[in-house]
Amino acid sequence: MTSMLELRVFVEGDDVYTHFGGPKLEWVAGTILSKTGPLSYIVQLHDGRTTRSFLLLLKFYQPPPLPKMTPEASGGSKSPVPSTTVPEAEPLVSTDSTLDTTPVLRRSSRIRRAPDRLRYE
C-alpha cells in the first residue's frame, strides 16, 4: 500500500504553494529550489524570500486559468457587431429627513460595582 507521501514528489523548478506565515498559515506561491531531505524542500517564494518546507505543507501550484479569447474579443471579427444602447438609470431621489437624522448612540444603563477584593474599608 502506497502512502500519499510516496506519491507526492517535487523536482527543482516546480511551482508550488507552501503554507507560510506563522499563526495565519496562508498558502503562498513559490518555486522549488532544492530537496534538503527525504521530506523537505527549499522553496523560493514569489516575493523573493526563501523558506524550508515540509512535504505535507506543499501542494502543486495551478495558475489561474486565462479567459479564452474569442474572435469577437480579439478584434479579428470581420462582421460588424451591432451596437446596443444602454438605458440610462434614473437618478436616485433621496429625502432630506433620512440625511438629517443621525443615529443616537445607545449607552449602557448598567451600574458597575467594583469587586469586593478592591474595596478598602
PDB file of N, CA and C in Angstrom:
ATOM      1  N   MET A   1       0.845  -1.182   0.000  1.00  0.00           N
ATOM      2  CA  MET A   1       0.000   0.000   0.000  1.00  0.00           C
ATOM      3  C   MET A   1       0.892   1.248   0.000  1.00  0.00           C
ATOM      4  N   THR A   2       0.679   2.146  -0.941  1.00  0.00           N
ATOM      5  CA  THR A   2       1.495   3.352  -1.029  1.00  0.00           C
ATOM      6  C   THR A   2       0.825   4.474  -0.254  1.00  0.00           C
ATOM      7  N   SER A   3       1.631   5.264   0.402  1.00  0.00           N
ATOM      8  CA  SER A   3       1.085   6.386   1.155  1.00  0.00           C
ATOM      9  C   SER A   3       1.046   7.621   0.263  1.00  0.00           C
ATOM     10  N   MET A   4       0.363   8.632   0.742  1.00  0.00           N
ATOM     11  CA  MET A   4       0.252   9.882  -0.011  1.00  0.00           C
ATOM     12  C   MET A   4       1.615  10.558  -0.133  1.00  0.00           C
ATOM     13  N   LEU A   5       2.475  10.366   0.884  1.00  0.00           N
ATOM     14  CA  LEU A   5       3.801  10.981   0.838  1.00  0.00           C
ATOM     15  C   LEU A   5       4.646  10.407  -0.285  1.00  0.00           C
ATOM     16  N   GLU A   6       4.477   9.114  -0.573  1.00  0.00           N
ATOM     17  CA  GLU A   6       5.261   8.492  -1.633  1.00  0.00           C
ATOM     18  C   GLU A   6       4.813   8.959  -3.013  1.00  0.00           C
ATOM     19  N   LEU A   7       3.550   9.343  -3.145  1.00  0.00           N
ATOM     20  CA  LEU A   7       3.022   9.753  -4.444  1.00  0.00           C
ATOM     21  C   LEU A   7       3.380  11.202  -4.780  1.00  0.00           C
ATOM     22  N   ARG A   8       3.625  12.016  -3.760  1.00  0.00           N
ATOM     23  CA  ARG A   8       3.886  13.430  -3.988  1.00  0.00           C
ATOM     24  C   ARG A   8       5.392  13.655  -4.081  1.00  0.00           C
ATOM     25  N   VAL A   9       5.883  13.957  -5.265  1.00  0.00           N
ATOM     26  CA  VAL A   9       7.311  14.191  -5.479  1.00  0.00           C
ATOM     27  C   VAL A   9       7.460  15.503  -6.234  1.00  0.00           C
ATOM     28  N   PHE A  10       8.342  16.355  -5.745  1.00  0.00           N
ATOM     29  CA  PHE A  10       8.616  17.629  -6.395  1.00  0.00           C
ATOM     30  C   PHE A  10      10.053  17.621  -6.898  1.00  0.00           C
ATOM     31  N   VAL A  11      10.296  18.323  -7.984  1.00  0.00           N
ATOM     32  CA  VAL A  11      11.653  18.463  -8.519  1.00  0.00           C
ATOM     33  C   VAL A  11      11.983  19.950  -8.599  1.00  0.00           C
ATOM     34  N   GLU A  12      13.263  20.255  -8.761  1.00  0.00           N
ATOM     35  CA  GLU A  12      13.685  21.651  -8.855  1.00  0.00           C
ATOM     36  C   GLU A  12      12.953  22.350  -9.993  1.00  0.00           C
ATOM     37  N   GLY A  13      12.457  23.542  -9.707  1.00  0.00           N
ATOM     38  CA  GLY A  13      11.762  24.322 -10.719  1.00  0.00           C
ATOM     39  C   GLY A  13      10.252  24.171 -10.689  1.00  0.00           C
ATOM     40  N   ASP A  14       9.720  23.219  -9.897  1.00  0.00           N
ATOM     41  CA  ASP A  14       8.267  23.056  -9.807  1.00  0.00           C
ATOM     42  C   ASP A  14       7.658  24.262  -9.101  1.00  0.00           C
ATOM     43  N   ASP A  15       6.538  24.745  -9.622  1.00  0.00           N
ATOM     44  CA  ASP A  15       5.791  25.804  -8.960  1.00  0.00           C
ATOM     45  C   ASP A  15       4.883  25.156  -7.932  1.00  0.00           C
ATOM     46  N   VAL A  16       4.925  25.672  -6.700  1.00  0.00           N
ATOM     47  CA  VAL A  16       4.170  25.077  -5.599  1.00  0.00           C
ATOM     48  C   VAL A  16       3.532  26.169  -4.758  1.00  0.00           C
ATOM     49  N   TYR A  17       2.574  25.754  -3.946  1.00  0.00           N
ATOM     50  CA  TYR A  17       2.058  26.564  -2.856  1.00  0.00           C
ATOM     51  C   TYR A  17       2.644  25.991  -1.581  1.00  0.00           C
ATOM     52  N   THR A  18       3.051  26.847  -0.653  1.00  0.00           N
ATOM     53  CA  THR A  18       3.537  26.385   0.636  1.00  0.00           C
ATOM     54  C   THR A  18       2.791  27.109   1.743  1.00  0.00           C
ATOM     55  N   HIS A  19       2.536  26.398   2.832  1.00  0.00           N
ATOM     56  CA  HIS A  19       1.916  27.020   3.993  1.00  0.00           C
ATOM     57  C   HIS A  19       2.959  27.896   4.638  1.00  0.00           C
ATOM     58  N   PHE A  20       2.701  29.178   4.743  1.00  0.00           N
ATOM     59  CA  PHE A  20       3.697  30.110   5.239  1.00  0.00           C
ATOM     60  C   PHE A  20       2.987  31.257   5.926  1.00  0.00           C
ATOM     61  N   GLY A  21       3.570  31.784   6.964  1.00  0.00           N
ATOM     62  CA  GLY A  21       3.017  32.991   7.555  1.00  0.00           C
ATOM     63  C   GLY A  21       2.779  32.925   9.038  1.00  0.00           C
ATOM     64  N   GLY A  22       3.367  31.987   9.737  1.00  0.00           N
ATOM     65  CA  GLY A  22       3.211  31.931  11.190  1.00  0.00           C
ATOM     66  C   GLY A  22       1.818  31.494  11.587  1.00  0.00           C
ATOM     67  N   PRO A  23       1.185  32.232  12.512  1.00  0.00           N
ATOM     68  CA  PRO A  23      -0.119  31.784  13.006  1.00  0.00           C
ATOM     69  C   PRO A  23      -1.228  31.848  11.959  1.00  0.00           C
ATOM     70  N   LYS A  24      -1.064  32.689  10.937  1.00  0.00           N
ATOM     71  CA  LYS A  24      -2.102  32.773   9.904  1.00  0.00           C
ATOM     72  C   LYS A  24      -2.065  31.574   8.974  1.00  0.00           C
ATOM     73  N   LEU A  25      -0.885  31.067   8.682  1.00  0.00           N
ATOM     74  CA  LEU A  25      -0.694  29.928   7.784  1.00  0.00           C
ATOM     75  C   LEU A  25      -1.491  30.067   6.492  1.00  0.00           C
ATOM     76  N   GLU A  26      -1.068  30.968   5.651  1.00  0.00           N
ATOM     77  CA  GLU A  26      -1.734  31.120   4.363  1.00  0.00           C
ATOM     78  C   GLU A  26      -0.903  30.448   3.279  1.00  0.00           C
ATOM     79  N   TRP A  27      -1.532  30.068   2.190  1.00  0.00           N
ATOM     80  CA  TRP A  27      -0.832  29.431   1.073  1.00  0.00           C
ATOM     81  C   TRP A  27      -0.171  30.519   0.245  1.00  0.00           C
ATOM     82  N   VAL A  28       1.150  30.388   0.056  1.00  0.00           N
ATOM     83  CA  VAL A  28       1.932  31.366  -0.689  1.00  0.00           C
ATOM     84  C   VAL A  28       2.596  30.650  -1.859  1.00  0.00           C
ATOM     85  N   ALA A  29       2.576  31.269  -3.037  1.00  0.00           N
ATOM     86  CA  ALA A  29       3.158  30.655  -4.229  1.00  0.00           C
ATOM     87  C   ALA A  29       4.676  30.789  -4.209  1.00  0.00           C
ATOM     88  N   GLY A  30       5.341  29.752  -4.717  1.00  0.00           N
ATOM     89  CA  GLY A  30       6.796  29.760  -4.776  1.00  0.00           C
ATOM     90  C   GLY A  30       7.301  28.723  -5.759  1.00  0.00           C
ATOM     91  N   THR A  31       8.623  28.539  -5.801  1.00  0.00           N
ATOM     92  CA  THR A  31       9.270  27.598  -6.713  1.00  0.00           C
ATOM     93  C   THR A  31      10.263  26.755  -5.919  1.00  0.00           C
ATOM     94  N   ILE A  32      10.283  25.446  -6.192  1.00  0.00           N
ATOM     95  CA  ILE A  32      11.215  24.541  -5.526  1.00  0.00           C
ATOM     96  C   ILE A  32      12.636  24.866  -5.988  1.00  0.00           C
ATOM     97  N   LEU A  33      13.542  25.128  -5.032  1.00  0.00           N
ATOM     98  CA  LEU A  33      14.948  25.354  -5.364  1.00  0.00           C
ATOM     99  C   LEU A  33      15.747  24.069  -5.251  1.00  0.00           C
ATOM    100  N   SER A  34      15.533  23.328  -4.147  1.00  0.00           N
ATOM    101  CA  SER A  34      16.285  22.089  -3.962  1.00  0.00           C
ATOM    102  C   SER A  34      15.586  21.214  -2.933  1.00  0.00           C
ATOM    103  N   LYS A  35      15.992  19.955  -2.904  1.00  0.00           N
ATOM    104  CA  LYS A  35      15.477  18.990  -1.937  1.00  0.00           C
ATOM    105  C   LYS A  35      16.527  18.851  -0.843  1.00  0.00           C
ATOM    106  N   THR A  36      16.142  19.079   0.417  1.00  0.00           N
ATOM    107  CA  THR A  36      17.115  19.037   1.507  1.00  0.00           C
ATOM    108  C   THR A  36      17.065  17.736   2.289  1.00  0.00           C
ATOM    109  N   GLY A  37      16.055  16.942   2.081  1.00  0.00           N
ATOM    110  CA  GLY A  37      15.920  15.674   2.786  1.00  0.00           C
ATOM    111  C   GLY A  37      14.848  14.853   2.115  1.00  0.00           C
ATOM    112  N   PRO A  38      14.519  13.688   2.678  1.00  0.00           N
ATOM    113  CA  PRO A  38      13.511  12.861   2.022  1.00  0.00           C
ATOM    114  C   PRO A  38      12.125  13.508   1.979  1.00  0.00           C
ATOM    115  N   LEU A  39      11.837  14.402   2.942  1.00  0.00           N
ATOM    116  CA  LEU A  39      10.509  15.008   3.004  1.00  0.00           C
ATOM    117  C   LEU A  39      10.544  16.532   3.098  1.00  0.00           C
ATOM    118  N   SER A  40      11.681  17.168   2.861  1.00  0.00           N
ATOM    119  CA  SER A  40      11.743  18.621   2.982  1.00  0.00           C
ATOM    120  C   SER A  40      12.415  19.248   1.766  1.00  0.00           C
ATOM    121  N   TYR A  41      12.003  20.478   1.489  1.00  0.00           N
ATOM    122  CA  TYR A  41      12.451  21.195   0.297  1.00  0.00           C
ATOM    123  C   TYR A  41      12.764  22.643   0.658  1.00  0.00           C
ATOM    124  N   ILE A  42      13.660  23.252  -0.110  1.00  0.00           N
ATOM    125  CA  ILE A  42      13.892  24.697  -0.036  1.00  0.00           C
ATOM    126  C   ILE A  42      13.026  25.329  -1.118  1.00  0.00           C
ATOM    127  N   VAL A  43      12.191  26.310  -0.714  1.00  0.00           N
ATOM    128  CA  VAL A  43      11.247  26.955  -1.629  1.00  0.00           C
ATOM    129  C   VAL A  43      11.560  28.442  -1.671  1.00  0.00           C
ATOM    130  N   GLN A  44      11.671  28.991  -2.876  1.00  0.00           N
ATOM    131  CA  GLN A  44      11.799  30.435  -3.033  1.00  0.00           C
ATOM    132  C   GLN A  44      10.415  30.981  -3.335  1.00  0.00           C
ATOM    133  N   LEU A  45       9.929  31.845  -2.435  1.00  0.00           N
ATOM    134  CA  LEU A  45       8.607  32.437  -2.617  1.00  0.00           C
ATOM    135  C   LEU A  45       8.661  33.458  -3.742  1.00  0.00           C
ATOM    136  N   HIS A  46       7.520  33.752  -4.328  1.00  0.00           N
ATOM    137  CA  HIS A  46       7.484  34.676  -5.465  1.00  0.00           C
ATOM    138  C   HIS A  46       7.820  36.107  -5.069  1.00  0.00           C
ATOM    139  N   ASP A  47       7.812  36.406  -3.755  1.00  0.00           N
ATOM    140  CA  ASP A  47       8.220  37.744  -3.327  1.00  0.00           C
ATOM    141  C   ASP A  47       9.718  37.828  -3.037  1.00  0.00           C
ATOM    142  N   GLY A  48      10.466  36.725  -3.292  1.00  0.00           N
ATOM    143  CA  GLY A  48      11.915  36.744  -3.160  1.00  0.00           C
ATOM    144  C   GLY A  48      12.461  36.040  -1.926  1.00  0.00           C
ATOM    145  N   ARG A  49      11.637  35.818  -0.908  1.00  0.00           N
ATOM    146  CA  ARG A  49      12.113  35.146   0.301  1.00  0.00           C
ATOM    147  C   ARG A  49      12.288  33.658   0.048  1.00  0.00           C
ATOM    148  N   THR A  50      13.158  33.007   0.818  1.00  0.00           N
ATOM    149  CA  THR A  50      13.315  31.556   0.731  1.00  0.00           C
ATOM    150  C   THR A  50      12.944  30.947   2.071  1.00  0.00           C
ATOM    151  N   THR A  51      12.393  29.741   2.029  1.00  0.00           N
ATOM    152  CA  THR A  51      11.974  29.039   3.231  1.00  0.00           C
ATOM    153  C   THR A  51      12.155  27.544   3.034  1.00  0.00           C
ATOM    154  N   ARG A  52      12.261  26.835   4.127  1.00  0.00           N
ATOM    155  CA  ARG A  52      12.350  25.382   4.076  1.00  0.00           C
ATOM    156  C   ARG A  52      10.977  24.839   4.432  1.00  0.00           C
ATOM    157  N   SER A  53      10.424  23.970   3.594  1.00  0.00           N
ATOM    158  CA  SER A  53       9.067  23.470   3.799  1.00  0.00           C
ATOM    159  C   SER A  53       9.039  21.956   3.837  1.00  0.00           C
ATOM    160  N   PHE A  54       8.204  21.441   4.707  1.00  0.00           N
ATOM    161  CA  PHE A  54       7.965  20.010   4.815  1.00  0.00           C
ATOM    162  C   PHE A  54       7.007  19.589   3.702  1.00  0.00           C
ATOM    163  N   LEU A  55       7.091  18.349   3.291  1.00  0.00           N
ATOM    164  CA  LEU A  55       6.301  17.842   2.164  1.00  0.00           C
ATOM    165  C   LEU A  55       4.800  18.034   2.369  1.00  0.00           C
ATOM    166  N   LEU A  56       4.321  17.833   3.601  1.00  0.00           N
ATOM    167  CA  LEU A  56       2.885  17.970   3.850  1.00  0.00           C
ATOM    168  C   LEU A  56       2.414  19.417   3.746  1.00  0.00           C
ATOM    169  N   LEU A  57       3.341  20.379   3.806  1.00  0.00           N
ATOM    170  CA  LEU A  57       2.978  21.788   3.704  1.00  0.00           C
ATOM    171  C   LEU A  57       3.145  22.331   2.292  1.00  0.00           C
ATOM    172  N   LEU A  58       3.301  21.434   1.316  1.00  0.00           N
ATOM    173  CA  LEU A  58       3.446  21.827  -0.084  1.00  0.00           C
ATOM    174  C   LEU A  58       2.322  21.236  -0.914  1.00  0.00           C
ATOM    175  N   LYS A  59       1.883  21.970  -1.904  1.00  0.00           N
ATOM    176  CA  LYS A  59       0.957  21.418  -2.902  1.00  0.00           C
ATOM    177  C   LYS A  59       1.277  22.059  -4.242  1.00  0.00           C
ATOM    178  N   PHE A  60       0.922  21.357  -5.306  1.00  0.00           N
ATOM    179  CA  PHE A  60       1.240  21.841  -6.646  1.00  0.00           C
ATOM    180  C   PHE A  60       0.512  23.146  -6.924  1.00  0.00           C
ATOM    181  N   TYR A  61       1.217  24.066  -7.574  1.00  0.00           N
ATOM    182  CA  TYR A  61       0.683  25.378  -7.935  1.00  0.00           C
ATOM    183  C   TYR A  61      -0.017  25.278  -9.272  1.00  0.00           C
ATOM    184  N   GLN A  62      -1.259  25.727  -9.309  1.00  0.00           N
ATOM    185  CA  GLN A  62      -2.002  25.765 -10.562  1.00  0.00           C
ATOM    186  C   GLN A  62      -2.344  27.216 -10.840  1.00  0.00           C
ATOM    187  N   PRO A  63      -1.714  27.818 -11.846  1.00  0.00           N
ATOM    188  CA  PRO A  63      -2.012  29.218 -12.136  1.00  0.00           C
ATOM    189  C   PRO A  63      -3.473  29.376 -12.527  1.00  0.00           C
ATOM    190  N   PRO A  64      -4.058  30.532 -12.221  1.00  0.00           N
ATOM    191  CA  PRO A  64      -5.459  30.745 -12.572  1.00  0.00           C
ATOM    192  C   PRO A  64      -5.647  30.655 -14.079  1.00  0.00           C
ATOM    193  N   PRO A  65      -6.751  30.064 -14.522  1.00  0.00           N
ATOM    194  CA  PRO A  65      -6.971  29.922 -15.963  1.00  0.00           C
ATOM    195  C   PRO A  65      -7.184  31.278 -16.624  1.00  0.00           C
ATOM    196  N   LEU A  66      -6.605  31.428 -17.789  1.00  0.00           N
ATOM    197  CA  LEU A  66      -6.781  32.650 -18.561  1.00  0.00           C
ATOM    198  C   LEU A  66      -8.095  32.573 -19.318  1.00  0.00           C
ATOM    199  N   PRO A  67      -8.800  33.689 -19.463  1.00  0.00           N
ATOM    200  CA  PRO A  67     -10.050  33.650 -20.221  1.00  0.00           C
ATOM    201  C   PRO A  67      -9.770  33.318 -21.680  1.00  0.00           C
ATOM    202  N   LYS A  68     -10.635  32.501 -22.254  1.00  0.00           N
ATOM    203  CA  LYS A  68     -10.458  32.119 -23.660  1.00  0.00           C
ATOM    204  C   LYS A  68     -10.787  33.303 -24.552  1.00  0.00           C
ATOM    205  N   MET A  69      -9.911  33.550 -25.505  1.00  0.00           N
ATOM    206  CA  MET A  69     -10.107  34.665 -26.418  1.00  0.00           C
ATOM    207  C   MET A  69     -10.944  34.205 -27.606  1.00  0.00           C
ATOM    208  N   THR A  70     -12.057  34.860 -27.813  1.00  0.00           N
ATOM    209  CA  THR A  70     -12.903  34.568 -28.961  1.00  0.00           C
ATOM    210  C   THR A  70     -12.552  35.556 -30.070  1.00  0.00           C
ATOM    211  N   PRO A  71     -12.905  35.251 -31.301  1.00  0.00           N
ATOM    212  CA  PRO A  71     -12.597  36.200 -32.388  1.00  0.00           C
ATOM    213  C   PRO A  71     -13.212  37.573 -32.156  1.00  0.00           C
ATOM    214  N   GLU A  72     -14.390  37.632 -31.516  1.00  0.00           N
ATOM    215  CA  GLU A  72     -15.013  38.931 -31.274  1.00  0.00           C
ATOM    216  C   GLU A  72     -14.205  39.725 -30.265  1.00  0.00           C
ATOM    217  N   ALA A  73     -13.664  39.044 -29.248  1.00  0.00           N
ATOM    218  CA  ALA A  73     -12.927  39.744 -28.204  1.00  0.00           C
ATOM    219  C   ALA A  73     -11.559  40.191 -28.682  1.00  0.00           C
ATOM    220  N   SER A  74     -10.950  39.439 -29.595  1.00  0.00           N
ATOM    221  CA  SER A  74      -9.604  39.795 -30.042  1.00  0.00           C
ATOM    222  C   SER A  74      -9.628  40.795 -31.193  1.00  0.00           C
ATOM    223  N   GLY A  75     -10.769  41.116 -31.729  1.00  0.00           N
ATOM    224  CA  GLY A  75     -10.862  42.100 -32.797  1.00  0.00           C
ATOM    225  C   GLY A  75     -10.687  41.491 -34.169  1.00  0.00           C
ATOM    226  N   GLY A  76     -10.662  40.177 -34.283  1.00  0.00           N
ATOM    227  CA  GLY A  76     -10.454  39.524 -35.564  1.00  0.00           C
ATOM    228  C   GLY A  76     -11.750  39.293 -36.319  1.00  0.00           C
ATOM    229  N   SER A  77     -12.841  39.770 -35.819  1.00  0.00           N
ATOM    230  CA  SER A  77     -14.129  39.558 -36.463  1.00  0.00           C
ATOM    231  C   SER A  77     -14.261  40.494 -37.662  1.00  0.00           C
ATOM    232  N   LYS A  78     -14.727  39.943 -38.802  1.00  0.00           N
ATOM    233  CA  LYS A  78     -14.889  40.766 -39.996  1.00  0.00           C
ATOM    234  C   LYS A  78     -16.296  41.329 -40.086  1.00  0.00           C
ATOM    235  N   SER A  79     -17.259  40.700 -39.413  1.00  0.00           N
ATOM    236  CA  SER A  79     -18.620  41.219 -39.458  1.00  0.00           C
ATOM    237  C   SER A  79     -18.787  42.261 -38.362  1.00  0.00           C
ATOM    238  N   PRO A  80     -19.478  43.361 -38.685  1.00  0.00           N
ATOM    239  CA  PRO A  80     -19.649  44.410 -37.678  1.00  0.00           C
ATOM    240  C   PRO A  80     -20.578  43.930 -36.563  1.00  0.00           C
ATOM    241  N   VAL A  81     -20.258  44.327 -35.358  1.00  0.00           N
ATOM    242  CA  VAL A  81     -21.075  43.978 -34.200  1.00  0.00           C
ATOM    243  C   VAL A  81     -22.084  45.094 -34.016  1.00  0.00           C
ATOM    244  N   PRO A  82     -23.390  44.752 -33.993  1.00  0.00           N
ATOM    245  CA  PRO A  82     -24.389  45.811 -33.815  1.00  0.00           C
ATOM    246  C   PRO A  82     -24.251  46.435 -32.432  1.00  0.00           C
ATOM    247  N   SER A  83     -24.341  47.761 -32.418  1.00  0.00           N
ATOM    248  CA  SER A  83     -24.223  48.444 -31.133  1.00  0.00           C
ATOM    249  C   SER A  83     -25.568  48.412 -30.427  1.00  0.00           C
ATOM    250  N   THR A  84     -25.509  48.281 -29.152  1.00  0.00           N
ATOM    251  CA  THR A  84     -26.734  48.273 -28.354  1.00  0.00           C
ATOM    252  C   THR A  84     -26.720  49.502 -27.478  1.00  0.00           C
ATOM    253  N   THR A  85     -27.889  50.066 -27.282  1.00  0.00           N
ATOM    254  CA  THR A  85     -27.981  51.239 -26.428  1.00  0.00           C
ATOM    255  C   THR A  85     -28.278  50.778 -25.012  1.00  0.00           C
ATOM    256  N   VAL A  86     -27.587  51.363 -24.083  1.00  0.00           N
ATOM    257  CA  VAL A  86     -27.787  51.031 -22.679  1.00  0.00           C
ATOM    258  C   VAL A  86     -28.722  52.069 -22.098  1.00  0.00           C
ATOM    259  N   PRO A  87     -29.847  51.621 -21.526  1.00  0.00           N
ATOM    260  CA  PRO A  87     -30.769  52.604 -20.949  1.00  0.00           C
ATOM    261  C   PRO A  87     -30.120  53.279 -19.747  1.00  0.00           C
ATOM    262  N   GLU A  88     -30.333  54.586 -19.659  1.00  0.00           N
ATOM    263  CA  GLU A  88     -29.754  55.336 -18.550  1.00  0.00           C
ATOM    264  C   GLU A  88     -30.593  55.121 -17.303  1.00  0.00           C
ATOM    265  N   ALA A  89     -29.924  54.945 -16.200  1.00  0.00           N
ATOM    266  CA  ALA A  89     -30.629  54.751 -14.935  1.00  0.00           C
ATOM    267  C   ALA A  89     -31.117  56.099 -14.434  1.00  0.00           C
ATOM    268  N   GLU A  90     -32.300  56.087 -13.841  1.00  0.00           N
ATOM    269  CA  GLU A  90     -32.841  57.322 -13.294  1.00  0.00           C
ATOM    270  C   GLU A  90     -32.066  57.680 -12.031  1.00  0.00           C
ATOM    271  N   PRO A  91     -31.793  58.949 -11.814  1.00  0.00           N
ATOM    272  CA  PRO A  91     -31.073  59.334 -10.598  1.00  0.00           C
ATOM    273  C   PRO A  91     -31.927  59.047  -9.369  1.00  0.00           C
ATOM    274  N   LEU A  92     -31.264  58.609  -8.318  1.00  0.00           N
ATOM    275  CA  LEU A  92     -31.981  58.309  -7.091  1.00  0.00           C
ATOM    276  C   LEU A  92     -32.351  59.604  -6.390  1.00  0.00           C
ATOM    277  N   VAL A  93     -33.596  59.671  -5.945  1.00  0.00           N
ATOM    278  CA  VAL A  93     -34.070  60.839  -5.225  1.00  0.00           C
ATOM    279  C   VAL A  93     -34.031  60.491  -3.750  1.00  0.00           C
ATOM    280  N   SER A  94     -33.294  61.267  -2.984  1.00  0.00           N
ATOM    281  CA  SER A  94     -33.210  60.996  -1.552  1.00  0.00           C
ATOM    282  C   SER A  94     -34.039  62.020  -0.807  1.00  0.00           C
ATOM    283  N   THR A  95     -34.575  61.588   0.295  1.00  0.00           N
ATOM    284  CA  THR A  95     -35.363  62.504   1.113  1.00  0.00           C
ATOM    285  C   THR A  95     -34.446  63.156   2.125  1.00  0.00           C
ATOM    286  N   ASP A  96     -34.731  64.400   2.437  1.00  0.00           N
ATOM    287  CA  ASP A  96     -33.896  65.152   3.370  1.00  0.00           C
ATOM    288  C   ASP A  96     -33.997  64.615   4.790  1.00  0.00           C
ATOM    289  N   SER A  97     -35.119  63.984   5.136  1.00  0.00           N
ATOM    290  CA  SER A  97     -35.294  63.511   6.507  1.00  0.00           C
ATOM    291  C   SER A  97     -34.314  62.395   6.842  1.00  0.00           C
ATOM    292  N   THR A  98     -33.944  61.570   5.862  1.00  0.00           N
ATOM    293  CA  THR A  98     -33.003  60.490   6.150  1.00  0.00           C
ATOM    294  C   THR A  98     -31.581  61.012   6.258  1.00  0.00           C
ATOM    295  N   LEU A  99     -31.265  62.118   5.585  1.00  0.00           N
ATOM    296  CA  LEU A  99     -29.916  62.652   5.626  1.00  0.00           C
ATOM    297  C   LEU A  99     -29.653  63.457   6.893  1.00  0.00           C
ATOM    298  N   ASP A 100     -30.684  64.119   7.431  1.00  0.00           N
ATOM    299  CA  ASP A 100     -30.502  64.999   8.578  1.00  0.00           C
ATOM    300  C   ASP A 100     -30.433  64.245   9.899  1.00  0.00           C
ATOM    301  N   THR A 101     -31.037  63.088   9.983  1.00  0.00           N
ATOM    302  CA  THR A 101     -31.063  62.375  11.256  1.00  0.00           C
ATOM    303  C   THR A 101     -29.784  61.584  11.432  1.00  0.00           C
ATOM    304  N   THR A 102     -29.206  61.702  12.594  1.00  0.00           N
ATOM    305  CA  THR A 102     -28.034  60.902  12.934  1.00  0.00           C
ATOM    306  C   THR A 102     -28.459  59.895  13.984  1.00  0.00           C
ATOM    307  N   PRO A 103     -27.931  58.699  13.928  1.00  0.00           N
ATOM    308  CA  PRO A 103     -28.350  57.697  14.897  1.00  0.00           C
ATOM    309  C   PRO A 103     -27.893  58.080  16.305  1.00  0.00           C
ATOM    310  N   VAL A 104     -28.752  57.825  17.263  1.00  0.00           N
ATOM    311  CA  VAL A 104     -28.455  58.128  18.653  1.00  0.00           C
ATOM    312  C   VAL A 104     -27.678  56.954  19.228  1.00  0.00           C
ATOM    313  N   LEU A 105     -26.535  57.252  19.844  1.00  0.00           N
ATOM    314  CA  LEU A 105     -25.732  56.197  20.428  1.00  0.00           C
ATOM    315  C   LEU A 105     -26.390  55.679  21.701  1.00  0.00           C
ATOM    316  N   ARG A 106     -26.440  54.361  21.794  1.00  0.00           N
ATOM    317  CA  ARG A 106     -27.002  53.739  22.987  1.00  0.00           C
ATOM    318  C   ARG A 106     -25.914  53.587  24.019  1.00  0.00           C
ATOM    319  N   ARG A 107     -26.165  53.989  25.208  1.00  0.00           N
ATOM    320  CA  ARG A 107     -25.216  53.831  26.299  1.00  0.00           C
ATOM    321  C   ARG A 107     -25.769  52.812  27.286  1.00  0.00           C
ATOM    322  N   SER A 108     -24.884  52.079  27.885  1.00  0.00           N
ATOM    323  CA  SER A 108     -25.286  51.071  28.851  1.00  0.00           C
ATOM    324  C   SER A 108     -25.847  51.745  30.096  1.00  0.00           C
ATOM    325  N   SER A 109     -26.924  51.211  30.614  1.00  0.00           N
ATOM    326  CA  SER A 109     -27.513  51.758  31.835  1.00  0.00           C
ATOM    327  C   SER A 109     -27.137  50.917  33.049  1.00  0.00           C
ATOM    328  N   ARG A 110     -26.260  49.970  32.872  1.00  0.00           N
ATOM    329  CA  ARG A 110     -25.837  49.086  33.951  1.00  0.00           C
ATOM    330  C   ARG A 110     -24.970  49.863  34.942  1.00  0.00           C
ATOM    331  N   ILE A 111     -25.230  49.670  36.207  1.00  0.00           N
ATOM    332  CA  ILE A 111     -24.427  50.306  37.240  1.00  0.00           C
ATOM    333  C   ILE A 111     -23.307  49.344  37.593  1.00  0.00           C
ATOM    334  N   ARG A 112     -22.087  49.776  37.377  1.00  0.00           N
ATOM    335  CA  ARG A 112     -20.939  48.915  37.626  1.00  0.00           C
ATOM    336  C   ARG A 112     -20.460  49.098  39.051  1.00  0.00           C
ATOM    337  N   ARG A 113     -20.077  47.996  39.619  1.00  0.00           N
ATOM    338  CA  ARG A 113     -19.643  47.991  41.001  1.00  0.00           C
ATOM    339  C   ARG A 113     -18.268  47.346  41.072  1.00  0.00           C
ATOM    340  N   ALA A 114     -17.365  47.885  41.848  1.00  0.00           N
ATOM    341  CA  ALA A 114     -16.027  47.323  41.977  1.00  0.00           C
ATOM    342  C   ALA A 114     -16.105  45.980  42.690  1.00  0.00           C
ATOM    343  N   PRO A 115     -15.224  45.033  42.354  1.00  0.00           N
ATOM    344  CA  PRO A 115     -15.229  43.753  43.052  1.00  0.00           C
ATOM    345  C   PRO A 115     -14.873  43.934  44.527  1.00  0.00           C
ATOM    346  N   ASP A 116     -15.296  42.984  45.334  1.00  0.00           N
ATOM    347  CA  ASP A 116     -15.069  43.072  46.776  1.00  0.00           C
ATOM    348  C   ASP A 116     -13.591  43.121  47.127  1.00  0.00           C
ATOM    349  N   ARG A 117     -12.757  42.501  46.365  1.00  0.00           N
ATOM    350  CA  ARG A 117     -11.341  42.450  46.715  1.00  0.00           C
ATOM    351  C   ARG A 117     -10.666  43.814  46.582  1.00  0.00           C
ATOM    352  N   LEU A 118     -11.285  44.732  45.869  1.00  0.00           N
ATOM    353  CA  LEU A 118     -10.694  46.051  45.696  1.00  0.00           C
ATOM    354  C   LEU A 118     -11.242  47.087  46.669  1.00  0.00           C
ATOM    355  N   ARG A 119     -12.192  46.710  47.448  1.00  0.00           N
ATOM    356  CA  ARG A 119     -12.764  47.654  48.414  1.00  0.00           C
ATOM    357  C   ARG A 119     -11.892  47.687  49.663  1.00  0.00           C
ATOM    358  N   TYR A 120     -11.560  48.880  50.068  1.00  0.00           N
ATOM    359  CA  TYR A 120     -10.754  49.052  51.279  1.00  0.00           C
ATOM    360  C   TYR A 120     -11.616  49.742  52.324  1.00  0.00           C
ATOM    361  N   GLU A 121     -11.990  48.999  53.330  1.00  0.00           N
ATOM    362  CA  GLU A 121     -12.820  49.602  54.375  1.00  0.00           C
ATOM    363  C   GLU A 121     -12.207  49.384  55.718  1.00  0.00           C
TER     364      GLU A 121
END
